[in-house]
Amino acid sequence: MSTTIDLEALGDSAAIPDRIARFPFPFPRDTYRYSTNVEPAGSVVETPVGGWGTHPVDVDGRYREDLAERTRILAEDPTRFQALPHMEIAQWDAMLTLMRMLTDAHPETFSLDGDGAARRFTNRALGVEQSFVFGDPSTLPEPPLLFVGRHLQEDVVLLDQREGALWGDAGLVTFAADWSLRFDVGMSFLQIHGPVPRVHTEGVIPRAQQFLMGLQPGRQYRRTNWSLSVDRRLDQSTETYPVWGRDRRLLAEGPLEDVGRRLNLRVEVQHLVRLGVSGAIMFLIRTYLLPFEDIARVPEWAERLCRVLEELPEDMADYKGITRTREPGVRWLRTYGGVRS
């Protein structure tokens, strides 16, 4: 059973576990509205207990666990990988770019050897070594984007730019938050974001598309997005809604003391990269989950999250799928999480 968090005992930041110290808390203020909220990537975002954002790909203590979950999902539903035929060169471009990113971020674990078309990629954590020739599908066991996706915790979407617009024409997405790559593949950027409330009348999505189409090769930007999730369930795709959808109701109807353990702040760190060879835009989506009982260990976070949830307009709460869970989340924060103001 949960008890009120002893905030006095948590004053030593050295006692904060890595999952909290590296968590990308997404709220710079006490209210939230949709915006492009894009900034250059690569710099560390400091938090009261640590920081995040050094690299566009992030390997953490759940690396093997998350990749095992990705493997399980793909075995059950291969349609989580999608690629239209004209995106083959973009797949190769993304694969090589991601291998370089992994090697730059974690040279003790990954390496990419060779130059020109012939390369060798090594992942020492998984015991994988793969030689390949760029552009030659016979040198890989599966499509390039699918192959490299088995080595990183991020989901990947590739946007093609043509006809004055962006199109989501390829991707590997196993950890979606209430959407479906299989449904969205081949749609335009504006169509994909059609259901999002307020963003069209306020011009957020057209501005975002114009910004993305102006990205120069090699430039990297990032943004965050968020929602609430019951339990540590990375896969909340539309396809599996019957599995996880009822958990929202059961949490709201269950004991309040369970909320701190089961309800998570779900944050996506999204990186945007213009690929150099194909010209496609690579959209990386890394999902982090932190339960409310861990949020409460950082008083600034608990207070701000509580205010954001209380103030969030109903239409935005409904779109994010948190209509049932935000009220018990607020009550738990005020009853057990140390929020008094």
Protein backbone atom coordinates (compact mmCIF):
# COMPACT_ATOMS: atom_id res chain seq x y z
CA MET A 1 0.00 0.00 0.00
CA SER A 2 1.25 3.49 -0.82
CA THR A 3 2.01 5.96 1.94
CA THR A 4 2.75 9.66 1.84
CA ILE A 5 6.20 10.22 0.32
CA ASP A 6 8.79 11.29 2.93
CA LEU A 7 10.23 14.29 1.08
CA GLU A 8 12.65 15.17 3.89
CA ALA A 9 14.43 11.83 3.46
CA LEU A 10 15.03 12.52 -0.22
CA GLY A 11 17.17 15.62 0.04
CA ASP A 12 20.37 13.84 -1.07
CA SER A 13 20.32 13.86 -4.89
CA ALA A 14 22.84 10.99 -4.87
CA ALA A 15 20.00 8.75 -3.66
CA ILE A 16 17.95 9.47 -6.79
CA PRO A 17 17.94 6.42 -9.08
CA ASP A 18 18.96 6.66 -12.71
CA ARG A 19 15.41 6.30 -14.04
CA ILE A 20 14.51 9.55 -12.26
CA ALA A 21 17.79 11.39 -12.78
CA ARG A 22 17.58 10.85 -16.56
CA PHE A 23 13.84 11.40 -16.94
CA PRO A 24 12.87 14.12 -19.47
CA PHE A 25 10.26 15.98 -17.43
CA PRO A 26 8.35 17.90 -20.13
CA PHE A 27 6.75 20.91 -18.42
CA PRO A 28 8.61 24.25 -18.26
CA ARG A 29 5.55 26.00 -16.78
CA ASP A 30 2.31 25.28 -14.91
CA THR A 31 0.10 25.14 -18.01
CA TYR A 32 0.32 23.17 -21.24
CA ARG A 33 -0.88 23.94 -24.76
CA TYR A 34 0.07 22.43 -28.11
CA SER A 35 3.02 24.12 -29.78
CA THR A 36 5.91 23.17 -32.02
CA ASN A 37 8.25 23.49 -28.95
CA VAL A 38 11.23 22.59 -31.16
CA GLU A 39 14.81 23.31 -30.13
CA PRO A 40 18.26 22.32 -31.44
CA ALA A 41 19.31 18.88 -30.21
CA GLY A 42 22.52 17.78 -28.56
CA SER A 43 22.68 19.93 -25.42
CA VAL A 44 21.91 18.64 -21.95
CA VAL A 45 18.64 19.74 -20.36
CA GLU A 46 19.33 20.05 -16.65
CA THR A 47 16.65 19.09 -14.13
CA PRO A 48 16.50 19.39 -10.32
CA VAL A 49 17.88 15.83 -10.04
CA GLY A 50 19.96 15.28 -13.19
CA GLY A 51 19.61 15.85 -16.91
CA TRP A 52 18.87 14.39 -20.31
CA GLY A 53 19.37 15.07 -24.02
CA THR A 54 23.06 14.49 -24.69
CA HIS A 55 22.47 12.24 -27.72
CA PRO A 56 19.57 11.69 -30.15
CA VAL A 57 19.66 7.96 -29.35
CA ASP A 58 19.63 6.95 -25.70
CA VAL A 59 20.67 3.55 -24.33
CA ASP A 60 19.68 3.02 -20.71
CA GLY A 61 19.29 0.24 -18.17
CA ARG A 62 16.17 -1.11 -19.86
CA TYR A 63 17.92 -1.61 -23.20
CA ARG A 64 17.65 -5.40 -23.43
CA GLU A 65 14.18 -5.41 -21.87
CA ASP A 66 12.82 -2.87 -24.37
CA LEU A 67 14.37 -4.62 -27.36
CA ALA A 68 12.98 -7.96 -26.22
CA GLU A 69 9.56 -6.32 -26.07
CA ARG A 70 10.04 -4.95 -29.58
CA THR A 71 10.97 -8.43 -30.83
CA ARG A 72 7.88 -9.92 -29.19
CA ILE A 73 5.59 -7.28 -30.72
CA LEU A 74 7.04 -7.70 -34.21
CA ALA A 75 6.67 -11.47 -33.99
CA GLU A 76 2.98 -11.06 -33.12
CA ASP A 77 2.32 -8.18 -35.53
CA PRO A 78 4.83 -7.69 -38.39
CA THR A 79 2.75 -4.75 -39.68
CA ARG A 80 4.41 -2.53 -37.07
CA PHE A 81 7.06 -2.13 -39.78
CA GLN A 82 5.87 -0.34 -42.92
CA ALA A 83 7.77 0.96 -45.94
CA LEU A 84 6.45 2.07 -49.30
CA PRO A 85 8.61 0.92 -52.24
CA HIS A 86 10.07 4.35 -53.05
CA MET A 87 11.51 4.63 -49.51
CA GLU A 88 14.22 2.00 -49.91
CA ILE A 89 17.12 4.44 -50.24
CA ALA A 90 15.75 6.39 -47.27
CA GLN A 91 15.80 3.17 -45.23
CA TRP A 92 19.49 2.66 -46.02
CA ASP A 93 20.20 6.30 -45.27
CA ALA A 94 18.42 6.06 -41.92
CA MET A 95 20.13 2.80 -41.00
CA LEU A 96 23.63 4.14 -41.60
CA THR A 97 22.82 7.40 -39.81
CA LEU A 98 21.47 5.55 -36.78
CA MET A 99 24.48 3.24 -36.65
CA ARG A 100 26.72 6.30 -36.58
CA MET A 101 24.60 7.85 -33.84
CA LEU A 102 24.81 4.71 -31.71
CA THR A 103 28.56 4.53 -32.19
CA ASP A 104 29.07 8.21 -31.35
CA ALA A 105 26.92 7.97 -28.22
CA HIS A 106 28.22 4.63 -26.93
CA PRO A 107 31.54 3.65 -28.57
CA GLU A 108 32.13 1.06 -25.86
CA THR A 109 29.08 -0.87 -27.08
CA PHE A 110 28.72 -0.12 -30.80
CA SER A 111 31.11 0.24 -33.71
CA LEU A 112 30.78 0.89 -37.42
CA ASP A 113 33.83 -0.04 -39.48
CA GLY A 114 34.73 0.37 -43.13
CA ASP A 115 34.15 3.14 -45.61
CA GLY A 116 32.45 3.49 -48.94
CA ALA A 117 29.68 0.96 -49.52
CA ALA A 118 31.14 -1.98 -47.53
CA ARG A 119 30.62 -1.68 -43.77
CA ARG A 120 30.54 -3.78 -40.61
CA PHE A 121 28.28 -2.95 -37.67
CA THR A 122 28.91 -4.42 -34.23
CA ASN A 123 26.62 -4.39 -31.18
CA ARG A 124 28.57 -5.88 -28.29
CA ALA A 125 25.59 -5.70 -25.91
CA LEU A 126 23.59 -8.08 -28.09
CA GLY A 127 26.53 -10.02 -29.55
CA VAL A 128 25.67 -9.00 -33.12
CA GLU A 129 28.16 -8.37 -35.91
CA GLN A 130 26.80 -7.69 -39.39
CA SER A 131 28.71 -6.88 -42.56
CA PHE A 132 26.73 -5.24 -45.36
CA VAL A 133 27.01 -3.30 -48.59
CA PHE A 134 25.06 -0.05 -48.62
CA GLY A 135 22.14 -0.38 -51.02
CA ASP A 136 22.44 -4.17 -51.47
CA PRO A 137 19.48 -5.88 -49.75
CA SER A 138 21.07 -9.32 -50.15
CA THR A 139 23.68 -8.35 -47.53
CA LEU A 140 21.12 -7.87 -44.72
CA PRO A 141 18.74 -10.42 -43.17
CA GLU A 142 15.80 -8.01 -43.35
CA PRO A 143 14.96 -4.48 -44.59
CA PRO A 144 17.45 -1.86 -43.36
CA LEU A 145 15.08 0.10 -41.12
CA LEU A 146 13.80 -3.09 -39.51
CA PHE A 147 17.35 -4.34 -38.96
CA VAL A 148 18.63 -1.20 -37.26
CA GLY A 149 15.43 -0.86 -35.26
CA ARG A 150 16.34 -4.02 -33.38
CA HIS A 151 19.36 -2.17 -31.94
CA LEU A 152 17.74 1.00 -30.56
CA GLN A 153 14.94 1.81 -28.14
CA GLU A 154 13.51 4.59 -30.31
CA ASP A 155 10.65 4.18 -32.76
CA VAL A 156 11.45 5.57 -36.23
CA VAL A 157 9.26 7.24 -38.86
CA LEU A 158 10.60 8.42 -42.22
CA LEU A 159 8.95 11.38 -43.93
CA ASP A 160 9.27 11.87 -47.68
CA GLN A 161 9.14 15.43 -48.99
CA ARG A 162 7.34 15.93 -52.31
CA GLU A 163 4.55 17.99 -53.85
CA GLY A 164 5.16 20.74 -51.32
CA ALA A 165 4.31 18.50 -48.36
CA LEU A 166 5.62 15.77 -46.07
CA TRP A 167 4.40 12.18 -46.23
CA GLY A 168 4.80 9.43 -43.63
CA ASP A 169 5.92 6.70 -45.99
CA ALA A 170 7.99 4.35 -43.81
CA GLY A 171 8.49 3.47 -40.18
CA LEU A 172 9.12 1.00 -37.40
CA VAL A 173 6.77 1.78 -34.51
CA THR A 174 6.22 -0.74 -31.75
CA PHE A 175 5.66 1.69 -28.86
CA ALA A 176 2.94 3.98 -30.22
CA ALA A 177 0.75 6.05 -27.89
CA ASP A 178 -2.78 5.43 -29.18
CA TRP A 179 -2.06 5.60 -32.92
CA SER A 180 -1.29 3.15 -35.71
CA LEU A 181 1.55 3.25 -38.22
CA ARG A 182 -0.29 0.71 -40.36
CA PHE A 183 -3.22 3.15 -40.63
CA ASP A 184 -1.11 6.30 -41.08
CA VAL A 185 1.49 5.08 -43.59
CA GLY A 186 1.19 6.98 -46.86
CA MET A 187 -0.70 9.89 -45.30
CA SER A 188 0.46 13.48 -45.46
CA PHE A 189 1.81 15.23 -42.37
CA LEU A 190 -1.37 17.34 -42.16
CA GLN A 191 -3.61 14.27 -42.50
CA ILE A 192 -1.75 12.38 -39.77
CA HIS A 193 -2.32 15.25 -37.33
CA GLY A 194 -5.91 15.86 -38.42
CA PRO A 195 -7.55 14.65 -35.15
CA VAL A 196 -5.41 16.82 -32.86
CA PRO A 197 -7.60 19.54 -31.27
CA ARG A 198 -6.75 23.27 -31.59
CA VAL A 199 -3.58 22.84 -33.67
CA HIS A 200 -5.21 23.62 -37.02
CA THR A 201 -7.10 26.75 -35.99
CA GLU A 202 -3.96 27.98 -34.22
CA GLY A 203 -1.75 27.08 -37.18
CA VAL A 204 0.61 24.83 -35.21
CA ILE A 205 0.74 21.93 -37.68
CA PRO A 206 1.22 24.00 -40.88
CA ARG A 207 4.03 25.92 -39.13
CA ALA A 208 5.62 22.67 -38.01
CA GLN A 209 5.52 21.29 -41.55
CA GLN A 210 7.12 24.44 -42.96
CA PHE A 211 9.85 24.23 -40.33
CA LEU A 212 10.56 20.58 -41.13
CA MET A 213 10.67 21.15 -44.88
CA GLY A 214 13.31 23.81 -44.27
CA LEU A 215 15.63 21.50 -42.32
CA GLN A 216 19.13 21.27 -43.76
CA PRO A 217 20.97 17.91 -44.07
CA GLY A 218 22.57 16.82 -40.83
CA ARG A 219 20.71 19.34 -38.66
CA GLN A 220 19.03 17.83 -35.59
CA TYR A 221 16.17 19.24 -33.56
CA ARG A 222 14.06 17.83 -30.75
CA ARG A 223 10.76 18.31 -28.96
CA THR A 224 8.76 16.52 -26.27
CA ASN A 225 5.23 15.20 -26.06
CA TRP A 226 3.40 13.56 -23.15
CA SER A 227 0.39 11.63 -21.90
CA LEU A 228 -0.49 9.30 -19.01
CA SER A 229 -0.20 5.52 -19.07
CA VAL A 230 -1.37 2.81 -16.71
CA ASP A 231 1.49 0.46 -15.79
CA ARG A 232 4.77 0.31 -17.71
CA ARG A 233 3.18 -0.55 -21.05
CA LEU A 234 5.24 0.80 -23.95
CA ASP A 235 2.91 -0.61 -26.60
CA GLN A 236 -0.30 1.40 -26.53
CA SER A 237 -1.01 1.21 -30.22
CA THR A 238 -4.51 1.36 -31.64
CA GLU A 239 -4.18 -2.31 -32.60
CA THR A 240 -3.86 -3.38 -28.95
CA TYR A 241 -6.46 -1.05 -27.44
CA PRO A 242 -8.64 -3.98 -26.26
CA VAL A 243 -5.68 -5.11 -24.14
CA TRP A 244 -4.84 -1.82 -22.41
CA GLY A 245 -7.87 0.44 -22.87
CA ARG A 246 -9.86 -0.91 -19.91
CA ASP A 247 -6.94 -0.27 -17.53
CA ARG A 248 -7.84 3.44 -17.44
CA ARG A 249 -11.31 2.68 -16.11
CA LEU A 250 -10.08 0.03 -13.67
CA LEU A 251 -7.46 2.42 -12.28
CA ALA A 252 -10.02 5.19 -11.80
CA GLU A 253 -12.41 2.82 -10.05
CA GLY A 254 -9.72 1.14 -7.93
CA PRO A 255 -8.03 2.11 -4.65
CA LEU A 256 -6.44 5.56 -4.68
CA GLU A 257 -3.31 4.25 -2.98
CA ASP A 258 -2.55 2.11 -6.07
CA VAL A 259 -2.41 5.12 -8.38
CA GLY A 260 1.12 6.19 -7.42
CA ARG A 261 2.53 2.82 -8.38
CA ARG A 262 0.46 2.18 -11.51
CA LEU A 263 -0.10 5.58 -13.16
CA ASN A 264 2.85 6.83 -15.24
CA LEU A 265 3.77 10.12 -16.82
CA ARG A 266 4.57 9.03 -20.37
CA VAL A 267 7.01 11.31 -22.20
CA GLU A 268 8.23 11.11 -25.79
CA VAL A 269 11.50 12.76 -26.73
CA GLN A 270 11.21 13.27 -30.48
CA HIS A 271 14.25 13.99 -32.64
CA LEU A 272 13.98 15.39 -36.17
CA VAL A 273 16.88 14.84 -38.57
CA ARG A 274 17.22 15.62 -42.28
CA LEU A 275 19.03 12.69 -43.89
CA GLY A 276 21.84 13.58 -46.26
CA VAL A 277 21.61 10.96 -49.02
CA SER A 278 17.86 10.53 -49.50
CA GLY A 279 16.67 13.93 -48.27
CA ALA A 280 14.05 12.22 -46.11
CA ILE A 281 13.31 13.48 -42.60
CA MET A 282 13.93 10.94 -39.86
CA PHE A 283 11.58 11.23 -36.91
CA LEU A 284 12.84 9.43 -33.79
CA ILE A 285 10.42 8.78 -30.92
CA ARG A 286 11.83 7.62 -27.60
CA THR A 287 9.29 6.81 -24.89
CA TYR A 288 9.99 7.16 -21.17
CA LEU A 289 7.61 6.10 -18.40
CA LEU A 290 7.85 7.24 -14.77
CA PRO A 291 5.26 6.32 -12.13
CA PHE A 292 3.68 9.03 -10.03
CA GLU A 293 5.35 7.66 -6.90
CA ASP A 294 8.72 8.48 -8.53
CA ILE A 295 7.49 11.86 -9.74
CA ALA A 296 6.65 12.64 -6.10
CA ARG A 297 10.30 12.18 -5.16
CA VAL A 298 10.99 15.47 -6.94
CA PRO A 299 8.71 18.06 -5.28
CA GLU A 300 9.02 20.58 -8.15
CA TRP A 301 7.84 17.93 -10.58
CA ALA A 302 4.93 16.76 -8.44
CA GLU A 303 3.62 20.29 -7.95
CA ARG A 304 3.94 21.24 -11.59
CA LEU A 305 2.40 18.04 -12.91
CA CYS A 306 -0.54 18.51 -10.56
CA ARG A 307 -1.12 22.06 -11.81
CA VAL A 308 -0.84 21.04 -15.47
CA LEU A 309 -3.37 18.23 -15.05
CA GLU A 310 -5.82 20.44 -13.16
CA GLU A 311 -5.67 23.25 -15.71
CA LEU A 312 -5.60 21.20 -18.94
CA PRO A 313 -8.69 21.93 -21.13
CA GLU A 314 -11.14 19.08 -21.50
CA ASP A 315 -10.76 18.68 -25.27
CA MET A 316 -6.99 18.24 -24.91
CA ALA A 317 -7.41 15.78 -22.04
CA ASP A 318 -9.86 13.80 -24.15
CA TYR A 319 -7.50 13.67 -27.15
CA LYS A 320 -4.62 12.53 -24.94
CA GLY A 321 -6.81 9.81 -23.50
CA ILE A 322 -6.41 10.97 -19.90
CA THR A 323 -9.99 11.98 -19.10
CA ARG A 324 -10.41 9.05 -16.71
CA THR A 325 -6.93 9.03 -15.21
CA ARG A 326 -6.04 12.66 -14.57
CA GLU A 327 -8.51 13.12 -11.69
CA PRO A 328 -7.21 10.14 -9.67
CA GLY A 329 -3.68 11.27 -10.56
CA VAL A 330 -4.31 14.71 -9.09
CA ARG A 331 -5.97 13.24 -6.00
CA TRP A 332 -3.02 10.88 -5.43
CA LEU A 333 -0.51 13.73 -5.77
CA ARG A 334 -2.43 15.79 -3.20
CA THR A 335 -3.12 12.86 -0.83
CA TYR A 336 0.13 10.90 -1.00
CA GLY A 337 2.55 12.88 -3.20
CA GLY A 338 3.24 15.86 -0.99
CA VAL A 339 1.43 18.49 -3.10
CA ARG A 340 -0.23 21.04 -0.83
CA SER A 341 -0.51 24.28 -2.81
